[in-house]
């Protein structure tokens, strides 16, 4: 993974000193709230419903065991002993004290971490596939390109005050595990007919109040032009993006208003002034960044038949192998997902004790490295297959061996009304009620692959629009209700879910989910996933079942 040089460290250390003084002046009454607001947002600090919230950057989801131990220490020392992993591969502290935030930032800087640009109208954390570098279907490792984009976008003076926040995702595999089509910019790395690296650029995707799937604006881009082309996209957005209405300020609104074709022409026109300038990315810099993403010291192993391994062990281990263990590009290795979705645990939350144990296990089993997925889980990327059973045995007492990756209870869930001042409804209690209702692993495995996403408001931090089943919290005359939709997807076949109809009270939602699942079971064909059935039959059969009146 990327390691700071003296220049990187100096930048982060100076930002800590700067924010320490800004916080001191604010607490002393020398800096007005309206002036402190953009300063704290630039350092990832929000004011939530009951306390501040600090969002910590985990660039493209990679974190070392040393960094994870520091996060555990911070959670215990400065918060309430737990953290929350987000859909953008970041981490949030929900209860820090404002006066102690500079101390937290100093602790982070000591292990090459920060909270810079995790909020505000700027370019946010660039995200990618949680299996980047080890995926069996990988074409190009996206991590060096994410790091190049991170370095280009951090403190970019021209893009510090965009019309709205801006999110970029990069995919380098056959399967899109980074939800690139619902980002402001999505980047697909591929090899052309000459086996040269190229990028397909999408723009105008996003969720929130007006969800949209991005459009291709550049089918093929040479690597040396990546940053100059991104510069051109951001300049067009910065110039034409709306600033009079924050609900219409995202790039997706601009792309739709202009049409993708016209937007692409404006970008090409702007790019013509940039592509042959100093903005061109030199091969020397590409090589420098790629040098940080070398392979670990893999042993020469051969693949183990995981079916035989499963049959020789406990039934729970068999389920875990089937759902939480993933193919690896190196013989004899697997990637392993630790789902932070055990029943009664808030999705995406982990305690300080769990983080410390996970750090130790990363050193023992996966070269001291972890990944964060946009599904709010953690991943060991490089586990020898011969040690999978040993790892599983150590994860069980930590409540980290739930075999539900990719199933109904492996849900994405925002913090909702329990924490967020923007939320219309609570998300976490609803998630728990669904977890408890569908806690039978045999049932979950029979239903199969199913993404259930919950958002507490239209900002869609829980990605409900692209859930196979999506749930949105709404306010009806001061009461919490939940709108249900089906048919969303965030992969290469990205689609937006369709609303079934009127919303429901919280205690009704598990029954509604049950009706949807029974409809799927009645209508599915052999080997057909939930999303496949939805697309084949449409929303109407689900709607009829959900709203049918009892005889």
Protein backbone atom coordinates (compact mmCIF):
# COMPACT_ATOMS: atom_id res chain seq x y z
CA UNK A 1 0.00 0.00 0.00
CA UNK A 2 1.07 3.60 -0.46
CA UNK A 3 3.48 4.99 2.14
CA UNK A 4 3.85 8.68 2.98
CA UNK A 5 7.04 10.48 2.08
CA UNK A 6 8.28 13.55 3.99
CA UNK A 7 6.16 15.84 1.83
CA UNK A 8 2.96 13.88 2.51
CA UNK A 9 3.63 13.82 6.23
CA UNK A 10 4.37 17.53 6.34
CA UNK A 11 1.07 18.36 4.64
CA UNK A 12 -0.94 16.26 7.09
CA UNK A 13 0.95 17.54 10.15
CA UNK A 14 0.47 21.14 9.07
CA UNK A 15 -3.25 20.58 8.59
CA UNK A 16 -3.48 19.27 12.19
CA UNK A 17 -1.77 22.41 13.53
CA UNK A 18 -4.01 24.61 11.41
CA UNK A 19 -7.22 22.98 12.60
CA UNK A 20 -6.03 22.98 16.20
CA UNK A 21 -5.76 26.76 16.06
CA UNK A 22 -9.09 27.12 14.25
CA UNK A 23 -10.82 25.01 16.91
CA UNK A 24 -9.17 26.98 19.72
CA UNK A 25 -10.34 30.27 18.23
CA UNK A 26 -13.88 28.96 17.72
CA UNK A 27 -14.17 27.68 21.29
CA UNK A 28 -12.78 31.00 22.56
CA UNK A 29 -15.47 32.92 20.65
CA UNK A 30 -12.93 34.49 18.29
CA UNK A 31 -14.18 32.63 15.19
CA UNK A 32 -17.90 32.87 14.32
CA UNK A 33 -19.89 29.68 13.65
CA UNK A 34 -20.48 30.56 9.99
CA UNK A 35 -16.72 30.92 9.45
CA UNK A 36 -15.85 27.77 11.41
CA UNK A 37 -18.41 25.66 9.51
CA UNK A 38 -16.51 25.32 6.20
CA UNK A 39 -13.23 24.87 8.09
CA UNK A 40 -14.52 21.93 10.14
CA UNK A 41 -16.19 20.38 7.10
CA UNK A 42 -12.86 20.45 5.26
CA UNK A 43 -11.58 18.28 8.11
CA UNK A 44 -14.49 15.83 8.06
CA UNK A 45 -16.24 17.19 11.15
CA UNK A 46 -20.04 17.33 11.17
CA UNK A 47 -22.49 18.31 13.88
CA UNK A 48 -25.05 15.52 14.09
CA UNK A 49 -28.25 15.11 16.05
CA UNK A 50 -26.66 14.52 19.46
CA UNK A 51 -22.92 15.05 19.02
CA UNK A 52 -20.22 15.84 16.48
CA UNK A 53 -19.32 13.17 13.92
CA UNK A 54 -15.83 12.80 12.50
CA UNK A 55 -15.37 11.02 9.17
CA UNK A 56 -11.90 9.54 8.71
CA UNK A 57 -10.52 8.84 5.24
CA UNK A 58 -9.53 5.30 4.29
CA UNK A 59 -8.22 5.88 0.74
CA UNK A 60 -9.76 3.34 -1.65
CA UNK A 61 -10.57 1.15 1.35
CA UNK A 62 -7.02 0.03 2.22
CA UNK A 63 -5.88 0.03 5.85
CA UNK A 64 -2.95 -1.61 7.63
CA UNK A 65 -3.12 -3.49 10.90
CA UNK A 66 -1.08 -0.68 12.51
CA UNK A 67 -3.63 1.88 11.37
CA UNK A 68 -6.52 -0.30 12.53
CA UNK A 69 -4.99 -0.57 16.01
CA UNK A 70 -4.75 3.20 16.13
CA UNK A 71 -8.42 3.46 15.15
CA UNK A 72 -9.28 1.07 17.97
CA UNK A 73 -7.30 3.21 20.41
CA UNK A 74 -9.02 6.38 19.20
CA UNK A 75 -12.46 4.76 19.50
CA UNK A 76 -11.76 3.77 23.09
CA UNK A 77 -9.95 6.96 24.15
CA UNK A 78 -11.97 9.63 22.37
CA UNK A 79 -15.35 8.01 21.58
CA UNK A 80 -17.68 5.35 22.99
CA UNK A 81 -15.61 2.34 22.04
CA UNK A 82 -16.86 1.59 18.54
CA UNK A 83 -16.62 2.86 14.95
CA UNK A 84 -18.86 2.82 11.88
CA UNK A 85 -17.65 1.86 8.39
CA UNK A 86 -19.40 3.66 5.55
CA UNK A 87 -20.47 2.89 2.00
CA UNK A 88 -17.58 5.00 0.72
CA UNK A 89 -14.94 2.88 2.45
CA UNK A 90 -14.43 5.49 5.18
CA UNK A 91 -14.85 5.32 8.95
CA UNK A 92 -16.97 7.48 11.23
CA UNK A 93 -16.76 8.33 14.92
CA UNK A 94 -20.21 9.27 16.20
CA UNK A 95 -19.40 10.71 19.64
CA UNK A 96 -16.13 12.69 19.62
CA UNK A 97 -15.88 15.87 21.68
CA UNK A 98 -15.25 18.96 19.56
CA UNK A 99 -12.35 20.15 21.70
CA UNK A 100 -10.62 16.76 21.30
CA UNK A 101 -10.91 16.48 17.52
CA UNK A 102 -7.46 18.09 16.96
CA UNK A 103 -5.99 15.42 19.26
CA UNK A 104 -7.70 12.72 17.17
CA UNK A 105 -6.29 14.22 13.97
CA UNK A 106 -2.82 14.22 15.51
CA UNK A 107 -3.19 10.56 16.43
CA UNK A 108 -4.28 9.80 12.88
CA UNK A 109 -1.35 11.70 11.38
CA UNK A 110 1.04 9.52 13.38
CA UNK A 111 -0.06 6.49 11.31
CA UNK A 112 -0.43 8.23 7.92
CA UNK A 113 -4.17 8.90 8.19
CA UNK A 114 -6.37 12.00 8.15
CA UNK A 115 -9.89 13.32 7.69
CA UNK A 116 -9.13 15.78 4.88
CA UNK A 117 -11.85 16.24 2.24
CA UNK A 118 -14.18 13.68 3.75
CA UNK A 119 -16.83 16.39 3.71
CA UNK A 120 -17.56 19.67 1.97
CA UNK A 121 -18.06 20.61 -1.67
CA UNK A 122 -14.84 19.06 -2.87
CA UNK A 123 -13.52 15.81 -4.38
CA UNK A 124 -14.12 13.13 -1.77
CA UNK A 125 -12.39 9.79 -1.12
CA UNK A 126 -11.88 7.86 -4.36
CA UNK A 127 -13.29 4.34 -3.96
CA UNK A 128 -12.71 1.02 -5.66
CA UNK A 129 -13.18 -2.76 -5.52
CA UNK A 130 -12.49 -4.27 -2.10
CA UNK A 131 -10.67 -7.13 -3.86
CA UNK A 132 -8.42 -4.84 -5.91
CA UNK A 133 -5.05 -6.42 -6.58
CA UNK A 134 -6.20 -9.98 -5.78
CA UNK A 135 -9.50 -10.41 -7.65
CA UNK A 136 -9.62 -13.46 -9.91
CA UNK A 137 -11.43 -11.44 -12.58
CA UNK A 138 -9.15 -8.39 -12.38
CA UNK A 139 -7.96 -6.86 -15.65
CA UNK A 140 -5.97 -3.96 -14.20
CA UNK A 141 -5.15 -3.18 -10.57
CA UNK A 142 -7.09 0.05 -9.91
CA UNK A 143 -5.28 0.99 -6.69
CA UNK A 144 -2.35 2.92 -8.24
CA UNK A 145 -4.80 4.96 -10.27
CA UNK A 146 -6.89 5.66 -7.17
CA UNK A 147 -3.75 6.86 -5.41
CA UNK A 148 -2.82 9.09 -8.35
CA UNK A 149 -6.31 10.60 -8.27
CA UNK A 150 -6.07 11.01 -4.48
CA UNK A 151 -2.82 12.96 -4.76
CA UNK A 152 -4.16 15.08 -7.61
CA UNK A 153 -7.44 15.90 -5.84
CA UNK A 154 -6.16 16.57 -2.31
CA UNK A 155 -6.01 20.35 -1.73
CA UNK A 156 -6.62 20.98 -5.43
CA UNK A 157 -7.07 24.78 -5.27
CA UNK A 158 -9.45 24.99 -8.23
CA UNK A 159 -11.85 22.36 -6.89
CA UNK A 160 -12.04 23.24 -3.18
CA UNK A 161 -15.44 24.94 -3.55
CA UNK A 162 -17.38 23.00 -6.16
CA UNK A 163 -21.15 23.46 -6.58
CA UNK A 164 -21.56 20.27 -4.50
CA UNK A 165 -19.61 17.26 -3.24
CA UNK A 166 -17.93 15.13 -5.90
CA UNK A 167 -17.32 11.38 -5.83
CA UNK A 168 -15.12 9.21 -8.06
CA UNK A 169 -14.98 5.40 -8.24
CA UNK A 170 -12.60 3.18 -10.21
CA UNK A 171 -13.14 -0.40 -11.40
CA UNK A 172 -10.49 -2.67 -12.92
CA UNK A 173 -12.30 -6.02 -12.99
CA UNK A 174 -14.86 -7.77 -15.14
CA UNK A 175 -17.39 -7.42 -12.31
CA UNK A 176 -18.04 -3.91 -11.02
CA UNK A 177 -17.82 -4.09 -7.23
CA UNK A 178 -17.29 -0.33 -6.87
CA UNK A 179 -20.73 0.93 -7.99
CA UNK A 180 -19.04 3.16 -10.58
CA UNK A 181 -22.22 3.90 -12.50
CA UNK A 182 -23.80 5.76 -9.60
CA UNK A 183 -20.86 8.10 -8.98
CA UNK A 184 -20.22 11.60 -10.28
CA UNK A 185 -17.38 10.08 -12.29
CA UNK A 186 -16.96 6.36 -12.87
CA UNK A 187 -13.72 5.02 -14.35
CA UNK A 188 -13.46 1.56 -15.93
CA UNK A 189 -9.91 0.40 -16.63
CA UNK A 190 -9.49 -2.08 -19.50
CA UNK A 191 -7.00 -3.37 -22.07
CA UNK A 192 -7.47 -2.39 -25.71
CA UNK A 193 -6.83 -4.57 -28.76
CA UNK A 194 -3.07 -3.87 -28.42
CA UNK A 195 -3.10 -4.88 -24.75
CA UNK A 196 -2.56 -1.28 -23.68
CA UNK A 197 -4.22 0.19 -20.58
CA UNK A 198 -7.16 2.47 -21.32
CA UNK A 199 -9.96 4.08 -19.32
CA UNK A 200 -13.65 4.39 -20.07
CA UNK A 201 -15.04 7.50 -18.36
CA UNK A 202 -18.64 7.84 -17.16
CA UNK A 203 -20.18 10.99 -15.73
CA UNK A 204 -23.46 12.05 -14.19
CA UNK A 205 -24.26 9.12 -11.95
CA UNK A 206 -25.43 9.52 -8.39
CA UNK A 207 -28.13 8.70 -5.88
CA UNK A 208 -29.86 11.05 -3.45
CA UNK A 209 -32.95 13.08 -4.24
CA UNK A 210 -32.64 12.58 -8.01
CA UNK A 211 -30.98 9.21 -8.66
CA UNK A 212 -29.33 8.64 -12.03
CA UNK A 213 -27.09 6.08 -13.72
CA UNK A 214 -24.00 7.62 -15.29
CA UNK A 215 -23.38 7.93 -19.03
CA UNK A 216 -20.22 7.16 -20.99
CA UNK A 217 -18.59 10.42 -22.10
CA UNK A 218 -15.20 9.02 -23.14
CA UNK A 219 -15.05 5.41 -24.39
CA UNK A 220 -11.25 5.20 -24.38
CA UNK A 221 -8.67 7.42 -22.70
CA UNK A 222 -4.89 6.96 -22.55
CA UNK A 223 -3.40 6.79 -19.03
CA UNK A 224 -1.16 9.83 -19.51
CA UNK A 225 -4.28 11.94 -20.07
CA UNK A 226 -6.26 10.75 -17.05
CA UNK A 227 -5.67 13.77 -14.83
CA UNK A 228 -5.98 16.37 -17.58
CA UNK A 229 -9.29 14.83 -18.65
CA UNK A 230 -10.57 14.78 -15.06
CA UNK A 231 -9.47 18.41 -14.82
CA UNK A 232 -11.59 19.18 -17.87
CA UNK A 233 -14.66 17.40 -16.46
CA UNK A 234 -14.34 19.27 -13.16
CA UNK A 235 -13.82 22.61 -14.90
CA UNK A 236 -16.96 22.19 -16.97
CA UNK A 237 -18.90 21.23 -13.86
CA UNK A 238 -17.40 24.08 -11.85
CA UNK A 239 -18.37 26.55 -14.55
CA UNK A 240 -21.86 25.35 -15.45
CA UNK A 241 -23.01 23.50 -12.34
CA UNK A 242 -25.87 25.19 -10.49
CA UNK A 243 -25.08 27.06 -7.28
CA UNK A 244 -28.48 28.62 -6.70
CA UNK A 245 -30.13 25.36 -5.54
CA UNK A 246 -28.18 22.70 -3.64
CA UNK A 247 -30.71 20.05 -4.67
CA UNK A 248 -29.85 20.70 -8.32
CA UNK A 249 -26.13 21.30 -7.91
CA UNK A 250 -24.71 17.80 -8.50
CA UNK A 251 -23.06 17.03 -11.82
CA UNK A 252 -25.82 14.52 -12.67
CA UNK A 253 -28.28 17.42 -13.01
CA UNK A 254 -25.92 19.25 -15.35
CA UNK A 255 -25.26 16.17 -17.50
CA UNK A 256 -28.97 15.51 -17.84
CA UNK A 257 -29.80 19.16 -18.59
CA UNK A 258 -27.14 19.42 -21.28
CA UNK A 259 -27.49 15.77 -22.41
CA UNK A 260 -24.46 13.48 -22.11
CA UNK A 261 -23.47 14.21 -25.71
CA UNK A 262 -23.35 17.98 -25.24
CA UNK A 263 -21.63 17.65 -21.87
CA UNK A 264 -18.97 15.39 -23.45
CA UNK A 265 -18.39 17.98 -26.21
CA UNK A 266 -17.87 20.73 -23.64
CA UNK A 267 -15.39 18.52 -21.82
CA UNK A 268 -13.53 17.77 -25.06
CA UNK A 269 -13.35 21.50 -25.82
CA UNK A 270 -11.93 22.26 -22.38
CA UNK A 271 -9.59 19.28 -22.56
CA UNK A 272 -8.11 20.48 -25.85
CA UNK A 273 -6.41 23.27 -23.87
CA UNK A 274 -5.05 20.89 -21.23
CA UNK A 275 -4.07 17.56 -22.76
CA UNK A 276 -0.62 18.53 -24.01
CA UNK A 277 0.33 20.74 -21.05
CA UNK A 278 2.09 19.97 -17.77
CA UNK A 279 -1.14 18.26 -16.70
CA UNK A 280 -0.04 15.27 -18.76
CA UNK A 281 0.78 12.38 -16.43
CA UNK A 282 4.41 11.27 -16.96
CA UNK A 283 5.23 7.58 -17.06
CA UNK A 284 7.82 8.17 -14.35
CA UNK A 285 5.07 9.22 -11.93
CA UNK A 286 2.86 6.29 -12.93
CA UNK A 287 5.78 3.94 -12.26
CA UNK A 288 6.51 5.63 -8.91
CA UNK A 289 2.98 5.13 -7.62
CA UNK A 290 2.66 1.62 -9.02
CA UNK A 291 5.84 0.65 -7.15
CA UNK A 292 3.91 0.86 -3.86
CA UNK A 293 1.42 -1.80 -4.96
CA UNK A 294 3.67 -4.80 -5.34
CA UNK A 295 2.62 -8.31 -4.41
CA UNK A 296 3.25 -9.48 -0.84
CA UNK A 297 5.60 -12.38 -0.18
CA UNK A 298 3.26 -15.13 -1.39
CA UNK A 299 4.17 -18.75 -0.79
CA UNK A 300 4.14 -21.14 -3.73
CA UNK A 301 0.91 -22.99 -3.01
CA UNK A 302 -1.62 -25.04 -4.93
CA UNK A 303 -5.35 -24.65 -4.80
CA UNK A 304 -7.29 -26.73 -2.30
CA UNK A 305 -10.65 -28.20 -3.25
CA UNK A 306 -12.84 -26.07 -0.98
CA UNK A 307 -15.76 -28.43 -1.50
CA UNK A 308 -13.79 -31.28 0.04
CA UNK A 309 -12.61 -28.95 2.79
CA UNK A 310 -16.20 -27.96 3.56
CA UNK A 311 -17.49 -31.53 3.62
CA UNK A 312 -14.88 -32.50 6.17
CA UNK A 313 -15.89 -29.77 8.65
CA UNK A 314 -18.83 -28.33 10.55
CA UNK A 315 -22.02 -27.23 8.70
CA UNK A 316 -21.50 -23.60 9.82
CA UNK A 317 -18.03 -23.66 8.30
CA UNK A 318 -19.47 -25.02 5.07
CA UNK A 319 -21.88 -22.07 4.87
CA UNK A 320 -19.07 -19.62 5.64
CA UNK A 321 -16.85 -21.08 2.90
CA UNK A 322 -19.71 -20.79 0.44
CA UNK A 323 -20.55 -17.15 1.18
CA UNK A 324 -17.57 -15.38 2.78
CA UNK A 325 -14.59 -16.93 0.99
CA UNK A 326 -13.77 -15.59 -2.48
CA UNK A 327 -11.55 -16.64 -5.41
CA UNK A 328 -8.01 -15.23 -5.55
CA UNK A 329 -5.66 -14.70 -8.46
CA UNK A 330 -2.87 -16.59 -6.64
CA UNK A 331 -3.06 -20.40 -6.30
CA UNK A 332 -3.61 -21.57 -2.75
CA UNK A 333 -5.01 -18.24 -1.50
CA UNK A 334 -8.50 -16.85 -0.91
CA UNK A 335 -9.96 -13.50 0.08
CA UNK A 336 -12.24 -13.55 3.12
CA UNK A 337 -15.08 -11.19 4.04
CA UNK A 338 -15.76 -10.42 7.69
CA UNK A 339 -19.40 -9.33 7.59
CA UNK A 340 -20.15 -6.69 10.21
CA UNK A 341 -23.80 -7.79 10.09
CA UNK A 342 -24.37 -10.23 12.93
CA UNK A 343 -27.94 -10.17 14.22
CA UNK A 344 -28.47 -7.33 16.73
CA UNK A 345 -25.29 -5.54 15.63
CA UNK A 346 -25.72 -2.24 13.80
CA UNK A 347 -24.59 -2.85 10.20
CA UNK A 348 -21.10 -1.53 9.62
CA UNK A 349 -20.26 -1.08 13.32
CA UNK A 350 -17.23 -2.65 15.01
CA UNK A 351 -16.03 -2.35 18.59
CA UNK A 352 -12.54 -1.34 19.64
CA UNK A 353 -12.00 -4.87 20.92
CA UNK A 354 -13.01 -6.32 17.56
CA UNK A 355 -10.72 -3.92 15.71
CA UNK A 356 -7.75 -4.91 17.86
CA UNK A 357 -8.47 -8.60 17.35
CA UNK A 358 -8.93 -8.06 13.60
CA UNK A 359 -5.57 -6.26 13.48
CA UNK A 360 -3.85 -9.22 15.11
CA UNK A 361 -5.56 -11.62 12.73
CA UNK A 362 -4.53 -9.51 9.74
CA UNK A 363 -0.92 -9.91 10.83
CA UNK A 364 -1.37 -13.67 11.30
CA UNK A 365 -3.38 -14.45 8.20
CA UNK A 366 -3.17 -11.64 5.61
CA UNK A 367 0.18 -9.81 5.51
CA UNK A 368 -0.98 -7.15 7.99
CA UNK A 369 -3.52 -5.57 5.65
CA UNK A 370 -7.30 -5.10 5.50
CA UNK A 371 -9.85 -3.74 3.07
CA UNK A 372 -13.17 -1.96 3.62
CA UNK A 373 -16.01 -2.67 1.18
CA UNK A 374 -18.78 -0.31 0.17
CA UNK A 375 -21.13 -2.91 1.67
CA UNK A 376 -19.66 -1.90 5.08
CA UNK A 377 -17.66 -5.07 5.63
CA UNK A 378 -13.98 -5.84 6.20
CA UNK A 379 -11.82 -8.11 4.07
CA UNK A 380 -8.64 -10.13 4.53
CA UNK A 381 -7.30 -10.15 0.98
CA UNK A 382 -4.61 -12.85 1.18
CA UNK A 383 -5.49 -15.86 3.34
CA UNK A 384 -3.81 -19.22 2.64
CA UNK A 385 -6.56 -21.74 1.93
CA UNK A 386 -4.92 -24.25 4.26
CA UNK A 387 -5.59 -21.82 7.14
CA UNK A 388 -9.23 -21.00 6.39
CA UNK A 389 -10.60 -23.30 9.08
CA UNK A 390 -8.15 -21.92 11.63
CA UNK A 391 -9.21 -18.37 10.75
CA UNK A 392 -12.89 -19.26 10.98
CA UNK A 393 -12.41 -20.70 14.46
CA UNK A 394 -10.79 -17.46 15.64
CA UNK A 395 -13.51 -15.29 14.07
CA UNK A 396 -16.44 -17.14 15.66
CA UNK A 397 -15.97 -15.92 19.27
CA UNK A 398 -15.48 -12.38 17.92
CA UNK A 399 -18.93 -12.49 16.28
CA UNK A 400 -17.26 -11.96 12.91
CA UNK A 401 -17.98 -15.28 11.20
CA UNK A 402 -21.63 -14.76 10.19
CA UNK A 403 -21.92 -16.61 6.83
CA UNK A 404 -24.20 -14.07 5.15
CA UNK A 405 -22.02 -12.13 2.72
CA UNK A 406 -24.21 -11.04 -0.19
CA UNK A 407 -27.40 -12.35 1.44
CA UNK A 408 -30.47 -10.57 2.79
CA UNK A 409 -29.06 -9.78 6.24
CA UNK A 410 -25.76 -8.48 4.84
CA UNK A 411 -27.58 -5.20 4.41
CA UNK A 412 -26.24 -1.73 3.78
CA UNK A 413 -27.61 0.67 6.38
CA UNK A 414 -26.93 4.33 7.16
CA UNK A 415 -26.82 5.56 10.81
CA UNK A 416 -30.29 7.06 10.30
CA UNK A 417 -32.31 9.02 12.82
CA UNK A 418 -30.41 7.61 15.81
CA UNK A 419 -27.50 9.86 14.86
CA UNK A 420 -28.04 11.93 11.71
CA UNK A 421 -29.74 15.32 11.91
CA UNK A 422 -30.90 14.98 8.29
CA UNK A 423 -32.70 11.65 8.71
CA UNK A 424 -36.47 11.33 8.49
CA UNK A 425 -36.50 7.92 10.17
CA UNK A 426 -34.35 5.47 12.07
CA UNK A 427 -32.44 2.85 10.09
CA UNK A 428 -30.65 0.75 12.70
CA UNK A 429 -33.73 -0.51 14.61
CA UNK A 430 -35.36 -1.43 11.30
CA UNK A 431 -32.24 -3.32 10.25
CA UNK A 432 -32.28 -5.25 13.51
CA UNK A 433 -35.94 -6.18 13.15
CA UNK A 434 -35.22 -7.56 9.66
CA UNK A 435 -32.14 -9.40 10.92
CA UNK A 436 -34.17 -11.06 13.68
CA UNK A 437 -37.05 -11.96 11.36
CA UNK A 438 -34.75 -13.62 8.81
CA UNK A 439 -32.13 -15.16 11.07
CA UNK A 440 -32.40 -18.68 9.63
CA UNK A 441 -29.24 -19.35 7.59
CA UNK A 442 -30.81 -22.19 5.61
CA UNK A 443 -33.59 -19.83 4.53
CA UNK A 444 -31.14 -17.06 3.63
CA UNK A 445 -29.00 -19.40 1.56
CA UNK A 446 -32.09 -20.72 -0.23
CA UNK A 447 -33.12 -17.17 -1.14
CA UNK A 448 -29.58 -16.54 -2.35
CA UNK A 449 -27.90 -13.37 -3.50
CA UNK A 450 -29.92 -10.34 -2.46
CA UNK A 451 -28.88 -6.76 -1.68
CA UNK A 452 -31.10 -5.02 0.87
CA UNK A 453 -30.21 -1.35 1.38
CA UNK A 454 -31.71 1.05 3.95
CA UNK A 455 -31.52 4.86 3.94
CA UNK A 456 -32.96 7.13 6.61
CA UNK A 457 -33.55 10.00 4.17
CA UNK A 458 -33.41 11.04 0.52
CA UNK A 459 -29.66 11.67 0.71
CA UNK A 460 -29.40 7.91 0.14
CA UNK A 461 -26.28 7.23 2.22
CA UNK A 462 -27.61 3.66 2.46
CA UNK A 463 -27.78 3.36 -1.36
CA UNK A 464 -31.44 2.29 -1.26
CA UNK A 465 -31.95 3.17 -4.93
CA UNK A 466 -29.58 0.39 -6.04
CA UNK A 467 -30.63 -2.27 -3.56
CA UNK A 468 -32.38 -5.33 -4.99
CA UNK A 469 -34.75 -4.34 -2.22
CA UNK A 470 -34.42 -0.71 -1.17
CA UNK A 471 -35.98 0.93 1.88
CA UNK A 472 -36.26 4.69 2.38
CA UNK A 473 -37.27 6.36 5.63
CA UNK A 474 -39.86 9.11 5.13
CA UNK A 475 -41.69 11.51 7.42
CA UNK A 476 -45.50 11.43 7.40
CA UNK A 477 -46.86 14.13 9.68
CA UNK A 478 -44.09 13.62 12.21
CA UNK A 479 -44.21 9.80 12.11
CA UNK A 480 -41.61 7.41 10.75
CA UNK A 481 -42.66 5.49 7.65
CA UNK A 482 -40.72 3.42 5.14
CA UNK A 483 -41.03 3.34 1.36
CA UNK A 484 -40.08 0.05 -0.32
CA UNK A 485 -38.75 -0.48 -3.84
CA UNK A 486 -37.36 -3.42 -5.80
CA UNK A 487 -35.14 -3.99 -8.81
CA UNK A 488 -32.10 -1.83 -8.10
CA UNK A 489 -28.51 -2.90 -8.80
CA UNK A 490 -25.08 -1.28 -8.52
CA UNK A 491 -22.99 -3.55 -10.77
CA UNK A 492 -22.14 -3.31 -14.48
CA UNK A 493 -25.87 -3.78 -15.07
CA UNK A 494 -26.72 -0.86 -12.76
CA UNK A 495 -30.39 0.00 -12.42
CA UNK A 496 -32.58 2.06 -10.11
CA UNK A 497 -35.28 0.34 -8.09
CA UNK A 498 -38.98 1.04 -8.62
CA UNK A 499 -41.22 2.08 -5.73
CA UNK A 500 -43.94 -0.44 -4.90
CA UNK A 501 -46.44 2.09 -3.56
CA UNK A 502 -47.47 3.77 -0.30
CA UNK A 503 -45.08 3.57 2.66
CA UNK A 504 -45.32 1.40 5.77
CA UNK A 505 -44.80 1.70 9.52
CA UNK A 506 -41.59 0.19 10.90
CA UNK A 507 -43.27 -2.84 12.47
CA UNK A 508 -44.91 -3.67 9.12
CA UNK A 509 -41.70 -3.77 7.08
CA UNK A 510 -40.47 -7.29 7.99
CA UNK A 511 -43.87 -8.67 6.86
CA UNK A 512 -43.56 -6.71 3.62
CA UNK A 513 -40.09 -8.15 3.02
CA UNK A 514 -41.50 -11.61 3.68
CA UNK A 515 -44.22 -11.08 1.06
CA UNK A 516 -41.65 -9.91 -1.47
CA UNK A 517 -39.49 -12.96 -0.84
CA UNK A 518 -42.43 -15.35 -1.12
CA UNK A 519 -43.37 -13.76 -4.43
CA UNK A 520 -39.82 -14.28 -5.65
CA UNK A 521 -39.83 -17.94 -4.59
CA UNK A 522 -43.13 -18.51 -6.41
CA UNK A 523 -41.95 -16.86 -9.62
CA UNK A 524 -38.26 -17.72 -9.89
CA UNK A 525 -36.85 -20.23 -12.31
CA UNK A 526 -33.98 -22.58 -11.36
CA UNK A 527 -30.72 -20.71 -10.80
CA UNK A 528 -32.48 -17.34 -11.16
CA UNK A 529 -31.37 -14.65 -8.69
CA UNK A 530 -33.80 -12.23 -7.08
CA UNK A 531 -32.70 -9.38 -9.35
CA UNK A 532 -33.11 -11.61 -12.43
CA UNK A 533 -36.70 -12.43 -11.47
CA UNK A 534 -37.44 -8.76 -10.81
CA UNK A 535 -36.23 -7.81 -14.25
CA UNK A 536 -38.09 -10.63 -15.96
CA UNK A 537 -41.51 -10.14 -14.33
CA UNK A 538 -41.37 -6.44 -13.43
CA UNK A 539 -42.59 -4.75 -10.28
CA UNK A 540 -46.30 -5.51 -10.65
CA UNK A 541 -46.39 -9.07 -9.16
CA UNK A 542 -44.54 -7.84 -6.07
CA UNK A 543 -46.84 -4.86 -5.76
CA UNK A 544 -49.95 -7.02 -6.00
CA UNK A 545 -48.71 -9.39 -3.30
CA UNK A 546 -47.61 -6.62 -0.95
CA UNK A 547 -50.83 -4.62 -1.15
CA UNK A 548 -53.27 -7.52 -1.44
CA UNK A 549 -56.01 -7.27 1.20
CA UNK A 550 -56.53 -10.24 3.49
CA UNK A 551 -59.57 -12.31 2.56
